[in-house]
Amino acid sequence: MFRRTFWFTAGAAAGVWATTKVNRKLKQLTPESLAAQAADKAIEAGHRLKDFALDVKAGMAQREAELGEALGLEAQNDPRALEHRRPAARDHSKHSYNRNEDH
């Protein structure tokens, strides 16, 4: 008699546990829950991408400073010093474009 009671109780507990697990999983798979999970993942990916871009920008600035120091360039933060590096905008309205023309 004691064995039957034990196994009945163990079976009932396993059934309750399994039912609870299945219900939780079903709630996670509802369209609203899936949409919320996707939104959270998208926001997380956006934050990671932003952090990556900031790391790249910081690395570029550091490397530019190292190169400027190695080459003996001065006034790295002076906007006028950067003007010579920017190509001048061409006015194509005066000249026709010929892709076969030697450049």
PDB file of N, CA and C in Angstrom:
ATOM      1  N   MET A   1       0.805  -1.189   0.000  1.00  0.00           N
ATOM      2  CA  MET A   1       0.000   0.000   0.000  1.00  0.00           C
ATOM      3  C   MET A   1       0.856   1.264   0.000  1.00  0.00           C
ATOM      4  N   PHE A   2       1.931   1.240   0.778  1.00  0.00           N
ATOM      5  CA  PHE A   2       2.806   2.401   0.842  1.00  0.00           C
ATOM      6  C   PHE A   2       3.455   2.657  -0.525  1.00  0.00           C
ATOM      7  N   ARG A   3       3.834   1.592  -1.231  1.00  0.00           N
ATOM      8  CA  ARG A   3       4.439   1.753  -2.572  1.00  0.00           C
ATOM      9  C   ARG A   3       3.468   2.425  -3.532  1.00  0.00           C
ATOM     10  N   ARG A   4       2.248   2.004  -3.508  1.00  0.00           N
ATOM     11  CA  ARG A   4       1.257   2.599  -4.418  1.00  0.00           C
ATOM     12  C   ARG A   4       1.077   4.092  -4.126  1.00  0.00           C
ATOM     13  N   THR A   5       1.025   4.427  -2.879  1.00  0.00           N
ATOM     14  CA  THR A   5       0.867   5.839  -2.494  1.00  0.00           C
ATOM     15  C   THR A   5       2.088   6.639  -2.941  1.00  0.00           C
ATOM     16  N   PHE A   6       3.267   6.083  -2.741  1.00  0.00           N
ATOM     17  CA  PHE A   6       4.492   6.765  -3.154  1.00  0.00           C
ATOM     18  C   PHE A   6       4.504   7.009  -4.663  1.00  0.00           C
ATOM     19  N   TRP A   7       4.232   5.968  -5.439  1.00  0.00           N
ATOM     20  CA  TRP A   7       4.280   6.113  -6.894  1.00  0.00           C
ATOM     21  C   TRP A   7       3.148   7.008  -7.400  1.00  0.00           C
ATOM     22  N   PHE A   8       1.996   6.955  -6.763  1.00  0.00           N
ATOM     23  CA  PHE A   8       0.917   7.857  -7.152  1.00  0.00           C
ATOM     24  C   PHE A   8       1.322   9.306  -6.911  1.00  0.00           C
ATOM     25  N   THR A   9       1.918   9.580  -5.761  1.00  0.00           N
ATOM     26  CA  THR A   9       2.359  10.939  -5.431  1.00  0.00           C
ATOM     27  C   THR A   9       3.488  11.381  -6.360  1.00  0.00           C
ATOM     28  N   ALA A  10       4.428  10.505  -6.646  1.00  0.00           N
ATOM     29  CA  ALA A  10       5.530  10.835  -7.559  1.00  0.00           C
ATOM     30  C   ALA A  10       4.997  11.115  -8.959  1.00  0.00           C
ATOM     31  N   GLY A  11       4.053  10.339  -9.424  1.00  0.00           N
ATOM     32  CA  GLY A  11       3.449  10.556 -10.740  1.00  0.00           C
ATOM     33  C   GLY A  11       2.682  11.860 -10.809  1.00  0.00           C
ATOM     34  N   ALA A  12       1.938  12.157  -9.754  1.00  0.00           N
ATOM     35  CA  ALA A  12       1.180  13.412  -9.717  1.00  0.00           C
ATOM     36  C   ALA A  12       2.129  14.601  -9.712  1.00  0.00           C
ATOM     37  N   ALA A  13       3.202  14.529  -8.952  1.00  0.00           N
ATOM     38  CA  ALA A  13       4.180  15.626  -8.909  1.00  0.00           C
ATOM     39  C   ALA A  13       4.856  15.796 -10.274  1.00  0.00           C
ATOM     40  N   ALA A  14       5.199  14.690 -10.913  1.00  0.00           N
ATOM     41  CA  ALA A  14       5.812  14.766 -12.249  1.00  0.00           C
ATOM     42  C   ALA A  14       4.835  15.361 -13.254  1.00  0.00           C
ATOM     43  N   GLY A  15       3.570  15.001 -13.137  1.00  0.00           N
ATOM     44  CA  GLY A  15       2.549  15.560 -14.030  1.00  0.00           C
ATOM     45  C   GLY A  15       2.385  17.055 -13.848  1.00  0.00           C
ATOM     46  N   VAL A  16       2.356  17.509 -12.608  1.00  0.00           N
ATOM     47  CA  VAL A  16       2.242  18.947 -12.319  1.00  0.00           C
ATOM     48  C   VAL A  16       3.465  19.676 -12.844  1.00  0.00           C
ATOM     49  N   TRP A  17       4.639  19.108 -12.600  1.00  0.00           N
ATOM     50  CA  TRP A  17       5.883  19.729 -13.070  1.00  0.00           C
ATOM     51  C   TRP A  17       5.894  19.835 -14.597  1.00  0.00           C
ATOM     52  N   ALA A  18       5.527  18.741 -15.283  1.00  0.00           N
ATOM     53  CA  ALA A  18       5.522  18.738 -16.750  1.00  0.00           C
ATOM     54  C   ALA A  18       4.478  19.714 -17.292  1.00  0.00           C
ATOM     55  N   THR A  19       3.318  19.745 -16.682  1.00  0.00           N
ATOM     56  CA  THR A  19       2.273  20.665 -17.135  1.00  0.00           C
ATOM     57  C   THR A  19       2.718  22.110 -16.984  1.00  0.00           C
ATOM     58  N   THR A  20       3.365  22.426 -15.871  1.00  0.00           N
ATOM     59  CA  THR A  20       3.872  23.778 -15.639  1.00  0.00           C
ATOM     60  C   THR A  20       4.916  24.149 -16.683  1.00  0.00           C
ATOM     61  N   LYS A  21       5.832  23.218 -16.969  1.00  0.00           N
ATOM     62  CA  LYS A  21       6.877  23.472 -17.979  1.00  0.00           C
ATOM     63  C   LYS A  21       6.263  23.720 -19.355  1.00  0.00           C
ATOM     64  N   VAL A  22       5.302  22.896 -19.743  1.00  0.00           N
ATOM     65  CA  VAL A  22       4.668  23.034 -21.056  1.00  0.00           C
ATOM     66  C   VAL A  22       3.920  24.358 -21.145  1.00  0.00           C
ATOM     67  N   ASN A  23       3.207  24.736 -20.094  1.00  0.00           N
ATOM     68  CA  ASN A  23       2.463  26.001 -20.118  1.00  0.00           C
ATOM     69  C   ASN A  23       3.400  27.201 -20.225  1.00  0.00           C
ATOM     70  N   ARG A  24       4.531  27.150 -19.528  1.00  0.00           N
ATOM     71  CA  ARG A  24       5.508  28.241 -19.647  1.00  0.00           C
ATOM     72  C   ARG A  24       6.040  28.350 -21.066  1.00  0.00           C
ATOM     73  N   LYS A  25       6.343  27.211 -21.659  1.00  0.00           N
ATOM     74  CA  LYS A  25       6.875  27.205 -23.026  1.00  0.00           C
ATOM     75  C   LYS A  25       5.835  27.716 -24.014  1.00  0.00           C
ATOM     76  N   LEU A  26       4.586  27.335 -23.819  1.00  0.00           N
ATOM     77  CA  LEU A  26       3.519  27.810 -24.702  1.00  0.00           C
ATOM     78  C   LEU A  26       3.331  29.324 -24.602  1.00  0.00           C
ATOM     79  N   LYS A  27       3.471  29.852 -23.385  1.00  0.00           N
ATOM     80  CA  LYS A  27       3.366  31.305 -23.220  1.00  0.00           C
ATOM     81  C   LYS A  27       4.521  32.019 -23.918  1.00  0.00           C
ATOM     82  N   GLN A  28       5.701  31.389 -23.952  1.00  0.00           N
ATOM     83  CA  GLN A  28       6.849  31.989 -24.635  1.00  0.00           C
ATOM     84  C   GLN A  28       6.676  31.978 -26.145  1.00  0.00           C
ATOM     85  N   LEU A  29       5.841  31.100 -26.640  1.00  0.00           N
ATOM     86  CA  LEU A  29       5.670  30.969 -28.083  1.00  0.00           C
ATOM     87  C   LEU A  29       4.449  31.698 -28.630  1.00  0.00           C
ATOM     88  N   THR A  30       3.794  32.507 -27.811  1.00  0.00           N
ATOM     89  CA  THR A  30       2.678  33.295 -28.325  1.00  0.00           C
ATOM     90  C   THR A  30       3.219  34.406 -29.215  1.00  0.00           C
ATOM     91  N   PRO A  31       2.440  34.873 -30.174  1.00  0.00           N
ATOM     92  CA  PRO A  31       2.923  35.928 -31.075  1.00  0.00           C
ATOM     93  C   PRO A  31       3.386  37.190 -30.331  1.00  0.00           C
ATOM     94  N   GLU A  32       2.678  37.573 -29.283  1.00  0.00           N
ATOM     95  CA  GLU A  32       3.060  38.767 -28.534  1.00  0.00           C
ATOM     96  C   GLU A  32       4.416  38.579 -27.870  1.00  0.00           C
ATOM     97  N   SER A  33       4.617  37.409 -27.288  1.00  0.00           N
ATOM     98  CA  SER A  33       5.886  37.122 -26.624  1.00  0.00           C
ATOM     99  C   SER A  33       7.029  37.055 -27.632  1.00  0.00           C
ATOM    100  N   LEU A  34       6.781  36.420 -28.780  1.00  0.00           N
ATOM    101  CA  LEU A  34       7.815  36.334 -29.813  1.00  0.00           C
ATOM    102  C   LEU A  34       8.174  37.722 -30.339  1.00  0.00           C
ATOM    103  N   ALA A  35       7.169  38.577 -30.504  1.00  0.00           N
ATOM    104  CA  ALA A  35       7.437  39.940 -30.969  1.00  0.00           C
ATOM    105  C   ALA A  35       8.264  40.716 -29.951  1.00  0.00           C
ATOM    106  N   ALA A  36       7.938  40.549 -28.679  1.00  0.00           N
ATOM    107  CA  ALA A  36       8.693  41.241 -27.633  1.00  0.00           C
ATOM    108  C   ALA A  36      10.132  40.737 -27.582  1.00  0.00           C
ATOM    109  N   GLN A  37      10.319  39.430 -27.736  1.00  0.00           N
ATOM    110  CA  GLN A  37      11.668  38.870 -27.746  1.00  0.00           C
ATOM    111  C   GLN A  37      12.464  39.385 -28.937  1.00  0.00           C
ATOM    112  N   ALA A  38      11.816  39.456 -30.102  1.00  0.00           N
ATOM    113  CA  ALA A  38      12.509  39.957 -31.296  1.00  0.00           C
ATOM    114  C   ALA A  38      12.889  41.428 -31.125  1.00  0.00           C
ATOM    115  N   ALA A  39      11.999  42.202 -30.546  1.00  0.00           N
ATOM    116  CA  ALA A  39      12.297  43.623 -30.312  1.00  0.00           C
ATOM    117  C   ALA A  39      13.469  43.781 -29.351  1.00  0.00           C
ATOM    118  N   ASP A  40      13.482  42.974 -28.306  1.00  0.00           N
ATOM    119  CA  ASP A  40      14.588  43.035 -27.348  1.00  0.00           C
ATOM    120  C   ASP A  40      15.914  42.671 -28.015  1.00  0.00           C
ATOM    121  N   LYS A  41      15.900  41.648 -28.850  1.00  0.00           N
ATOM    122  CA  LYS A  41      17.123  41.237 -29.547  1.00  0.00           C
ATOM    123  C   LYS A  41      17.586  42.321 -30.519  1.00  0.00           C
ATOM    124  N   ALA A  42      16.636  42.978 -31.191  1.00  0.00           N
ATOM    125  CA  ALA A  42      16.997  44.049 -32.123  1.00  0.00           C
ATOM    126  C   ALA A  42      17.615  45.227 -31.381  1.00  0.00           C
ATOM    127  N   ILE A  43      17.062  45.570 -30.245  1.00  0.00           N
ATOM    128  CA  ILE A  43      17.618  46.674 -29.451  1.00  0.00           C
ATOM    129  C   ILE A  43      19.014  46.309 -28.962  1.00  0.00           C
ATOM    130  N   GLU A  44      19.173  45.071 -28.515  1.00  0.00           N
ATOM    131  CA  GLU A  44      20.482  44.612 -28.046  1.00  0.00           C
ATOM    132  C   GLU A  44      21.508  44.649 -29.181  1.00  0.00           C
ATOM    133  N   ALA A  45      21.093  44.217 -30.375  1.00  0.00           N
ATOM    134  CA  ALA A  45      22.002  44.253 -31.523  1.00  0.00           C
ATOM    135  C   ALA A  45      22.361  45.696 -31.883  1.00  0.00           C
ATOM    136  N   GLY A  46      21.409  46.603 -31.786  1.00  0.00           N
ATOM    137  CA  GLY A  46      21.675  48.013 -32.051  1.00  0.00           C
ATOM    138  C   GLY A  46      22.692  48.594 -31.083  1.00  0.00           C
ATOM    139  N   HIS A  47      22.567  48.227 -29.812  1.00  0.00           N
ATOM    140  CA  HIS A  47      23.535  48.698 -28.820  1.00  0.00           C
ATOM    141  C   HIS A  47      24.930  48.138 -29.107  1.00  0.00           C
ATOM    142  N   ARG A  48      24.991  46.879 -29.484  1.00  0.00           N
ATOM    143  CA  ARG A  48      26.288  46.275 -29.798  1.00  0.00           C
ATOM    144  C   ARG A  48      26.911  46.935 -31.028  1.00  0.00           C
ATOM    145  N   LEU A  49      26.083  47.219 -32.025  1.00  0.00           N
ATOM    146  CA  LEU A  49      26.586  47.870 -33.235  1.00  0.00           C
ATOM    147  C   LEU A  49      27.085  49.274 -32.926  1.00  0.00           C
ATOM    148  N   LYS A  50      26.363  49.994 -32.073  1.00  0.00           N
ATOM    149  CA  LYS A  50      26.786  51.338 -31.680  1.00  0.00           C
ATOM    150  C   LYS A  50      28.114  51.286 -30.929  1.00  0.00           C
ATOM    151  N   ASP A  51      28.232  50.323 -30.002  1.00  0.00           N
ATOM    152  CA  ASP A  51      29.485  50.169 -29.259  1.00  0.00           C
ATOM    153  C   ASP A  51      30.642  49.841 -30.196  1.00  0.00           C
ATOM    154  N   PHE A  52      30.382  48.982 -31.170  1.00  0.00           N
ATOM    155  CA  PHE A  52      31.416  48.628 -32.145  1.00  0.00           C
ATOM    156  C   PHE A  52      31.851  49.849 -32.943  1.00  0.00           C
ATOM    157  N   ALA A  53      30.871  50.645 -33.402  1.00  0.00           N
ATOM    158  CA  ALA A  53      31.196  51.840 -34.178  1.00  0.00           C
ATOM    159  C   ALA A  53      32.014  52.831 -33.348  1.00  0.00           C
ATOM    160  N   LEU A  54      31.666  52.976 -32.074  1.00  0.00           N
ATOM    161  CA  LEU A  54      32.428  53.882 -31.210  1.00  0.00           C
ATOM    162  C   LEU A  54      33.845  53.363 -30.984  1.00  0.00           C
ATOM    163  N   ASP A  55      33.996  52.040 -30.844  1.00  0.00           N
ATOM    164  CA  ASP A  55      35.331  51.455 -30.689  1.00  0.00           C
ATOM    165  C   ASP A  55      36.173  51.669 -31.946  1.00  0.00           C
ATOM    166  N   VAL A  56      35.548  51.492 -33.110  1.00  0.00           N
ATOM    167  CA  VAL A  56      36.270  51.699 -34.368  1.00  0.00           C
ATOM    168  C   VAL A  56      36.694  53.156 -34.497  1.00  0.00           C
ATOM    169  N   LYS A  57      35.789  54.059 -34.173  1.00  0.00           N
ATOM    170  CA  LYS A  57      36.098  55.490 -34.269  1.00  0.00           C
ATOM    171  C   LYS A  57      37.240  55.868 -33.326  1.00  0.00           C
ATOM    172  N   ALA A  58      37.211  55.345 -32.105  1.00  0.00           N
ATOM    173  CA  ALA A  58      38.280  55.631 -31.146  1.00  0.00           C
ATOM    174  C   ALA A  58      39.604  55.048 -31.635  1.00  0.00           C
ATOM    175  N   GLY A  59      39.544  53.840 -32.179  1.00  0.00           N
ATOM    176  CA  GLY A  59      40.759  53.221 -32.718  1.00  0.00           C
ATOM    177  C   GLY A  59      41.327  53.996 -33.892  1.00  0.00           C
ATOM    178  N   MET A  60      40.442  54.502 -34.747  1.00  0.00           N
ATOM    179  CA  MET A  60      40.906  55.293 -35.891  1.00  0.00           C
ATOM    180  C   MET A  60      41.580  56.575 -35.420  1.00  0.00           C
ATOM    181  N   ALA A  61      40.979  57.234 -34.442  1.00  0.00           N
ATOM    182  CA  ALA A  61      41.559  58.483 -33.919  1.00  0.00           C
ATOM    183  C   ALA A  61      42.913  58.214 -33.266  1.00  0.00           C
ATOM    184  N   GLN A  62      42.994  57.112 -32.532  1.00  0.00           N
ATOM    185  CA  GLN A  62      44.257  56.767 -31.886  1.00  0.00           C
ATOM    186  C   GLN A  62      45.331  56.461 -32.934  1.00  0.00           C
ATOM    187  N   ARG A  63      44.953  55.693 -33.946  1.00  0.00           N
ATOM    188  CA  ARG A  63      45.933  55.342 -34.980  1.00  0.00           C
ATOM    189  C   ARG A  63      46.347  56.577 -35.771  1.00  0.00           C
ATOM    190  N   GLU A  64      45.409  57.470 -36.049  1.00  0.00           N
ATOM    191  CA  GLU A  64      45.745  58.698 -36.773  1.00  0.00           C
ATOM    192  C   GLU A  64      46.717  59.547 -35.953  1.00  0.00           C
ATOM    193  N   ALA A  65      46.486  59.597 -34.645  1.00  0.00           N
ATOM    194  CA  ALA A  65      47.398  60.354 -33.780  1.00  0.00           C
ATOM    195  C   ALA A  65      48.781  59.712 -33.774  1.00  0.00           C
ATOM    196  N   GLU A  66      48.835  58.381 -33.730  1.00  0.00           N
ATOM    197  CA  GLU A  66      50.124  57.689 -33.766  1.00  0.00           C
ATOM    198  C   GLU A  66      50.865  57.953 -35.070  1.00  0.00           C
ATOM    199  N   LEU A  67      50.137  57.883 -36.176  1.00  0.00           N
ATOM    200  CA  LEU A  67      50.765  58.141 -37.473  1.00  0.00           C
ATOM    201  C   LEU A  67      51.213  59.591 -37.587  1.00  0.00           C
ATOM    202  N   GLY A  68      50.381  60.513 -37.122  1.00  0.00           N
ATOM    203  CA  GLY A  68      50.758  61.924 -37.161  1.00  0.00           C
ATOM    204  C   GLY A  68      51.998  62.193 -36.335  1.00  0.00           C
ATOM    205  N   GLU A  69      52.074  61.546 -35.186  1.00  0.00           N
ATOM    206  CA  GLU A  69      53.251  61.703 -34.328  1.00  0.00           C
ATOM    207  C   GLU A  69      54.487  61.086 -34.991  1.00  0.00           C
ATOM    208  N   ALA A  70      54.311  59.928 -35.611  1.00  0.00           N
ATOM    209  CA  ALA A  70      55.438  59.257 -36.255  1.00  0.00           C
ATOM    210  C   ALA A  70      55.938  60.032 -37.471  1.00  0.00           C
ATOM    211  N   LEU A  71      55.009  60.704 -38.157  1.00  0.00           N
ATOM    212  CA  LEU A  71      55.389  61.465 -39.350  1.00  0.00           C
ATOM    213  C   LEU A  71      55.763  62.905 -39.023  1.00  0.00           C
ATOM    214  N   GLY A  72      55.596  63.296 -37.786  1.00  0.00           N
ATOM    215  CA  GLY A  72      55.958  64.650 -37.375  1.00  0.00           C
ATOM    216  C   GLY A  72      54.970  65.700 -37.822  1.00  0.00           C
ATOM    217  N   LEU A  73      53.726  65.318 -38.010  1.00  0.00           N
ATOM    218  CA  LEU A  73      52.702  66.293 -38.398  1.00  0.00           C
ATOM    219  C   LEU A  73      52.235  67.041 -37.168  1.00  0.00           C
ATOM    220  N   GLU A  74      51.879  68.322 -37.359  1.00  0.00           N
ATOM    221  CA  GLU A  74      51.417  69.138 -36.244  1.00  0.00           C
ATOM    222  C   GLU A  74      49.982  69.572 -36.493  1.00  0.00           C
ATOM    223  N   ALA A  75      49.380  70.125 -35.463  1.00  0.00           N
ATOM    224  CA  ALA A  75      48.022  70.693 -35.532  1.00  0.00           C
ATOM    225  C   ALA A  75      47.026  69.674 -36.056  1.00  0.00           C
ATOM    226  N   GLN A  76      46.970  68.524 -35.416  1.00  0.00           N
ATOM    227  CA  GLN A  76      46.071  67.460 -35.869  1.00  0.00           C
ATOM    228  C   GLN A  76      44.605  67.801 -35.642  1.00  0.00           C
ATOM    229  N   ASN A  77      44.312  68.571 -34.642  1.00  0.00           N
ATOM    230  CA  ASN A  77      42.921  68.905 -34.351  1.00  0.00           C
ATOM    231  C   ASN A  77      42.488  70.197 -35.026  1.00  0.00           C
ATOM    232  N   ASP A  78      43.384  70.836 -35.758  1.00  0.00           N
ATOM    233  CA  ASP A  78      43.062  72.082 -36.444  1.00  0.00           C
ATOM    234  C   ASP A  78      42.261  71.760 -37.706  1.00  0.00           C
ATOM    235  N   PRO A  79      41.027  72.278 -37.842  1.00  0.00           N
ATOM    236  CA  PRO A  79      40.221  71.990 -39.031  1.00  0.00           C
ATOM    237  C   PRO A  79      40.891  72.459 -40.321  1.00  0.00           C
ATOM    238  N   ARG A  80      41.691  73.518 -40.239  1.00  0.00           N
ATOM    239  CA  ARG A  80      42.372  73.996 -41.446  1.00  0.00           C
ATOM    240  C   ARG A  80      43.431  73.001 -41.908  1.00  0.00           C
ATOM    241  N   ALA A  81      43.979  72.247 -40.969  1.00  0.00           N
ATOM    242  CA  ALA A  81      44.994  71.257 -41.332  1.00  0.00           C
ATOM    243  C   ALA A  81      44.365  70.078 -42.066  1.00  0.00           C
ATOM    244  N   LEU A  82      43.075  69.848 -41.848  1.00  0.00           N
ATOM    245  CA  LEU A  82      42.403  68.732 -42.502  1.00  0.00           C
ATOM    246  C   LEU A  82      41.911  69.094 -43.901  1.00  0.00           C
ATOM    247  N   GLU A  83      41.841  70.393 -44.207  1.00  0.00           N
ATOM    248  CA  GLU A  83      41.295  70.816 -45.496  1.00  0.00           C
ATOM    249  C   GLU A  83      42.125  70.307 -46.660  1.00  0.00           C
ATOM    250  N   HIS A  84      43.434  70.235 -46.504  1.00  0.00           N
ATOM    251  CA  HIS A  84      44.272  69.787 -47.616  1.00  0.00           C
ATOM    252  C   HIS A  84      44.067  68.313 -47.913  1.00  0.00           C
ATOM    253  N   ARG A  85      43.484  67.557 -46.964  1.00  0.00           N
ATOM    254  CA  ARG A  85      43.262  66.138 -47.177  1.00  0.00           C
ATOM    255  C   ARG A  85      41.954  65.854 -47.891  1.00  0.00           C
ATOM    256  N   ARG A  86      41.040  66.801 -47.864  1.00  0.00           N
ATOM    257  CA  ARG A  86      39.746  66.586 -48.504  1.00  0.00           C
ATOM    258  C   ARG A  86      39.843  66.960 -49.978  1.00  0.00           C
ATOM    259  N   PRO A  87      39.423  66.071 -50.860  1.00  0.00           N
ATOM    260  CA  PRO A  87      39.461  66.415 -52.279  1.00  0.00           C
ATOM    261  C   PRO A  87      38.455  67.519 -52.594  1.00  0.00           C
ATOM    262  N   ALA A  88      38.840  68.387 -53.457  1.00  0.00           N
ATOM    263  CA  ALA A  88      37.952  69.477 -53.847  1.00  0.00           C
ATOM    264  C   ALA A  88      36.805  68.920 -54.674  1.00  0.00           C
ATOM    265  N   ALA A  89      35.643  69.499 -54.475  1.00  0.00           N
ATOM    266  CA  ALA A  89      34.480  69.056 -55.236  1.00  0.00           C
ATOM    267  C   ALA A  89      34.616  69.524 -56.675  1.00  0.00           C
ATOM    268  N   ARG A  90      34.403  68.601 -57.585  1.00  0.00           N
ATOM    269  CA  ARG A  90      34.510  68.958 -59.003  1.00  0.00           C
ATOM    270  C   ARG A  90      33.189  69.501 -59.502  1.00  0.00           C
ATOM    271  N   ASP A  91      33.278  70.462 -60.392  1.00  0.00           N
ATOM    272  CA  ASP A  91      32.085  71.011 -61.007  1.00  0.00           C
ATOM    273  C   ASP A  91      31.919  70.316 -62.352  1.00  0.00           C
ATOM    274  N   HIS A  92      31.041  69.318 -62.401  1.00  0.00           N
ATOM    275  CA  HIS A  92      30.849  68.537 -63.620  1.00  0.00           C
ATOM    276  C   HIS A  92      29.896  69.214 -64.593  1.00  0.00           C
ATOM    277  N   SER A  93      29.294  70.310 -64.200  1.00  0.00           N
ATOM    278  CA  SER A  93      28.339  70.955 -65.087  1.00  0.00           C
ATOM    279  C   SER A  93      29.036  71.605 -66.282  1.00  0.00           C
ATOM    280  N   LYS A  94      30.306  71.946 -66.155  1.00  0.00           N
ATOM    281  CA  LYS A  94      31.024  72.606 -67.239  1.00  0.00           C
ATOM    282  C   LYS A  94      31.575  71.603 -68.249  1.00  0.00           C
ATOM    283  N   HIS A  95      31.792  70.383 -67.790  1.00  0.00           N
ATOM    284  CA  HIS A  95      32.423  69.388 -68.641  1.00  0.00           C
ATOM    285  C   HIS A  95      31.495  68.204 -68.820  1.00  0.00           C
ATOM    286  N   SER A  96      31.467  67.687 -70.031  1.00  0.00           N
ATOM    287  CA  SER A  96      30.675  66.475 -70.255  1.00  0.00           C
ATOM    288  C   SER A  96      31.479  65.269 -69.786  1.00  0.00           C
ATOM    289  N   TYR A  97      30.790  64.247 -69.431  1.00  0.00           N
ATOM    290  CA  TYR A  97      31.434  63.062 -68.912  1.00  0.00           C
ATOM    291  C   TYR A  97      31.651  62.079 -70.060  1.00  0.00           C
ATOM    292  N   ASN A  98      32.875  61.634 -70.229  1.00  0.00           N
ATOM    293  CA  ASN A  98      33.197  60.643 -71.238  1.00  0.00           C
ATOM    294  C   ASN A  98      33.952  59.529 -70.533  1.00  0.00           C
ATOM    295  N   ARG A  99      33.314  58.373 -70.403  1.00  0.00           N
ATOM    296  CA  ARG A  99      33.954  57.306 -69.660  1.00  0.00           C
ATOM    297  C   ARG A  99      35.117  56.685 -70.387  1.00  0.00           C
ATOM    298  N   ASN A 100      35.251  56.948 -71.671  1.00  0.00           N
ATOM    299  CA  ASN A 100      36.371  56.421 -72.442  1.00  0.00           C
ATOM    300  C   ASN A 100      37.581  57.359 -72.425  1.00  0.00           C
ATOM    301  N   GLU A 101      37.386  58.511 -71.838  1.00  0.00           N
ATOM    302  CA  GLU A 101      38.461  59.499 -71.767  1.00  0.00           C
ATOM    303  C   GLU A 101      39.520  59.041 -70.782  1.00  0.00           C
ATOM    304  N   ASP A 102      40.784  59.252 -71.115  1.00  0.00           N
ATOM    305  CA  ASP A 102      41.870  58.905 -70.204  1.00  0.00           C
ATOM    306  C   ASP A 102      41.865  59.870 -69.037  1.00  0.00           C
ATOM    307  N   HIS A 103      42.059  59.333 -67.880  1.00  0.00           N
ATOM    308  CA  HIS A 103      42.085  60.181 -66.674  1.00  0.00           C
ATOM    309  C   HIS A 103      43.452  60.199 -66.098  1.00  0.00           C
TER     310      HIS A 103
END
